[in-house]
Amino acid sequence: MKAIIQRVKSASVTVDGEVISEIKQGLMCLVGVGKDDNKEDVEYITRKILNLRLWKNEDGTKNWDRSVQQMDYEILFVSQFTLFAQLKGNKQSYHLAMAPELSKQFYLDFLENAKKSYKPEKIKDGRFGAMMDVQLINDGPVTIQLDSKEK
């Protein structure tokens, strides 16, 4: 699995002109599922996202001290198979991404794992397979890349 994690002041997903999901302060995470991913990858990515120290401590004296859980912030997940793009010249190939008929359930299982590991009401997501307009206001900016195969 791969994830691009952005610390945000707010973020939202719109599909067909309708806002389907939005958060205030927290994380907006693009998540891609690879063809060889399994439950261990889900657990690794979930644990890292929930525990990354991306905020200052309460009195502002120490950077990179608090996680999204400790701050009680929200997370917006957006499925993003293009994270597995491999370039061949100027054309991309997605052969390393999990097949769509398998990846939807895998992604939904990932979301359930995140909800069980944190607070379900703090976990939001886009619409799998839809053309989405993702809007966000970066906080920092702070952007972190994760790959469960590069532990």
Protein backbone atom coordinates (compact mmCIF):
# COMPACT_ATOMS: atom_id res chain seq x y z
CA MET A 1 0.00 0.00 0.00
CA LYS A 2 1.02 3.55 -0.60
CA ALA A 3 -0.22 6.72 1.04
CA ILE A 4 0.39 10.42 0.57
CA ILE A 5 -0.43 12.12 3.85
CA GLN A 6 -1.08 15.85 4.00
CA ARG A 7 -1.62 17.87 7.14
CA VAL A 8 -4.61 20.09 6.42
CA LYS A 9 -6.64 22.91 7.90
CA SER A 10 -9.63 21.52 6.00
CA ALA A 11 -10.42 19.18 3.11
CA SER A 12 -13.43 17.98 1.15
CA VAL A 13 -14.47 15.65 -1.66
CA THR A 14 -17.09 16.60 -4.23
CA VAL A 15 -18.69 14.14 -6.68
CA ASP A 16 -21.06 15.36 -9.41
CA GLY A 17 -21.26 18.79 -7.79
CA GLU A 18 -22.20 17.45 -4.35
CA VAL A 19 -19.88 17.58 -1.33
CA ILE A 20 -19.90 13.99 -0.11
CA SER A 21 -17.28 14.27 2.62
CA GLU A 22 -15.41 16.99 4.48
CA ILE A 23 -13.18 17.50 7.48
CA LYS A 24 -11.84 20.37 9.45
CA GLN A 25 -8.27 20.19 10.76
CA GLY A 26 -6.48 16.87 10.39
CA LEU A 27 -5.09 14.69 7.61
CA MET A 28 -6.06 14.17 3.98
CA CYS A 29 -4.63 10.86 2.79
CA LEU A 30 -4.45 9.54 -0.75
CA VAL A 31 -4.33 5.74 -0.49
CA GLY A 32 -3.32 3.29 -3.21
CA VAL A 33 -3.64 -0.48 -3.05
CA GLY A 34 -1.01 -2.67 -4.70
CA LYS A 35 -1.61 -6.08 -6.28
CA ASP A 36 0.51 -7.81 -3.59
CA ASP A 37 -0.94 -6.01 -0.57
CA ASN A 38 -2.38 -7.91 2.36
CA LYS A 39 -3.62 -7.43 5.94
CA GLU A 40 -0.11 -6.63 7.20
CA ASP A 41 0.08 -3.72 4.76
CA VAL A 42 -3.28 -2.43 6.00
CA GLU A 43 -2.16 -2.60 9.62
CA TYR A 44 1.19 -0.92 8.88
CA ILE A 45 -0.30 1.99 6.91
CA THR A 46 -3.11 2.48 9.44
CA ARG A 47 -0.72 2.47 12.39
CA LYS A 48 1.66 4.92 10.71
CA ILE A 49 -1.08 7.36 9.70
CA LEU A 50 -2.63 7.36 13.16
CA ASN A 51 0.68 7.75 15.00
CA LEU A 52 2.77 10.07 12.80
CA ARG A 53 3.83 13.04 14.91
CA LEU A 54 2.95 15.98 12.70
CA TRP A 55 1.86 18.67 15.19
CA LYS A 56 3.47 20.74 17.93
CA ASN A 57 2.90 19.89 21.57
CA GLU A 58 0.18 21.70 23.54
CA ASP A 59 2.33 24.64 24.64
CA GLY A 60 3.97 24.99 21.22
CA THR A 61 7.52 24.42 22.48
CA LYS A 62 8.20 21.15 20.65
CA ASN A 63 7.66 20.49 16.94
CA TRP A 64 6.67 17.09 15.56
CA ASP A 65 5.33 15.89 18.89
CA ARG A 66 1.62 15.06 18.52
CA SER A 67 -0.32 12.64 16.30
CA VAL A 68 -3.74 13.04 14.69
CA GLN A 69 -5.14 10.82 17.46
CA GLN A 70 -3.56 12.88 20.22
CA MET A 71 -4.92 16.05 18.64
CA ASP A 72 -8.38 14.42 18.23
CA TYR A 73 -8.48 15.54 14.58
CA GLU A 74 -10.21 14.02 11.57
CA ILE A 75 -8.86 12.03 8.62
CA LEU A 76 -10.17 12.13 5.06
CA PHE A 77 -9.13 9.10 2.99
CA VAL A 78 -9.31 9.16 -0.81
CA SER A 79 -8.66 6.03 -2.89
CA GLN A 80 -5.95 6.70 -5.47
CA PHE A 81 -4.81 3.80 -7.66
CA THR A 82 -2.60 6.19 -9.66
CA LEU A 83 -0.08 6.11 -6.80
CA PHE A 84 1.04 2.85 -8.41
CA ALA A 85 1.73 4.39 -11.83
CA GLN A 86 4.86 3.19 -13.58
CA LEU A 87 6.06 5.41 -16.41
CA LYS A 88 7.03 3.91 -19.75
CA GLY A 89 8.23 6.93 -21.67
CA ASN A 90 5.38 9.40 -21.28
CA LYS A 91 2.68 6.79 -20.75
CA GLN A 92 1.73 5.35 -17.41
CA SER A 93 0.99 1.74 -16.60
CA TYR A 94 -0.95 0.60 -13.54
CA HIS A 95 0.02 -3.08 -13.58
CA LEU A 96 1.29 -2.84 -9.98
CA ALA A 97 -2.11 -1.65 -8.67
CA MET A 98 -4.59 -4.19 -7.38
CA ALA A 99 -7.34 -5.04 -9.89
CA PRO A 100 -10.48 -2.88 -9.41
CA GLU A 101 -12.73 -5.87 -8.71
CA LEU A 102 -10.48 -6.80 -5.74
CA SER A 103 -9.27 -3.40 -4.61
CA LYS A 104 -12.68 -1.95 -3.71
CA GLN A 105 -13.29 -4.49 -0.95
CA PHE A 106 -9.65 -4.27 0.15
CA TYR A 107 -9.97 -0.47 0.44
CA LEU A 108 -13.27 -0.76 2.35
CA ASP A 109 -11.59 -3.22 4.74
CA PHE A 110 -8.78 -0.68 5.20
CA LEU A 111 -11.34 2.00 6.12
CA GLU A 112 -12.97 -0.36 8.63
CA ASN A 113 -9.56 -1.06 10.16
CA ALA A 114 -8.93 2.69 10.50
CA LYS A 115 -12.34 3.18 12.16
CA LYS A 116 -11.69 0.34 14.61
CA SER A 117 -8.22 1.71 15.39
CA TYR A 118 -9.38 5.30 15.98
CA LYS A 119 -12.80 6.92 16.32
CA PRO A 120 -15.22 5.94 13.54
CA GLU A 121 -16.77 9.41 13.44
CA LYS A 122 -13.33 10.93 12.75
CA ILE A 123 -12.74 8.79 9.62
CA LYS A 124 -14.17 10.14 6.35
CA ASP A 125 -13.65 9.03 2.78
CA GLY A 126 -14.38 9.85 -0.84
CA ARG A 127 -16.23 7.55 -3.24
CA PHE A 128 -14.25 4.61 -4.55
CA GLY A 129 -13.90 4.65 -8.34
CA ALA A 130 -15.62 8.02 -8.79
CA MET A 131 -14.22 11.11 -10.47
CA MET A 132 -13.69 13.27 -7.40
CA ASP A 133 -12.85 16.92 -6.90
CA VAL A 134 -10.60 16.99 -3.84
CA GLN A 135 -10.16 20.35 -2.22
CA LEU A 136 -7.85 21.08 0.69
CA ILE A 137 -6.03 23.80 2.53
CA ASN A 138 -2.55 22.58 3.40
CA ASP A 139 -1.26 23.25 6.89
CA GLY A 140 2.46 23.93 6.60
CA PRO A 141 2.57 22.42 4.02
CA VAL A 142 3.43 19.05 5.51
CA THR A 143 3.35 16.07 3.13
CA ILE A 144 4.60 12.57 3.95
CA GLN A 145 4.89 9.56 1.61
CA LEU A 146 4.40 6.04 2.95
CA ASP A 147 4.96 2.70 1.24
CA SER A 148 4.19 -0.42 3.24
CA LYS A 149 6.80 -2.36 1.27
CA GLU A 150 9.54 0.04 2.43
CA LYS A 151 9.30 -0.55 6.18
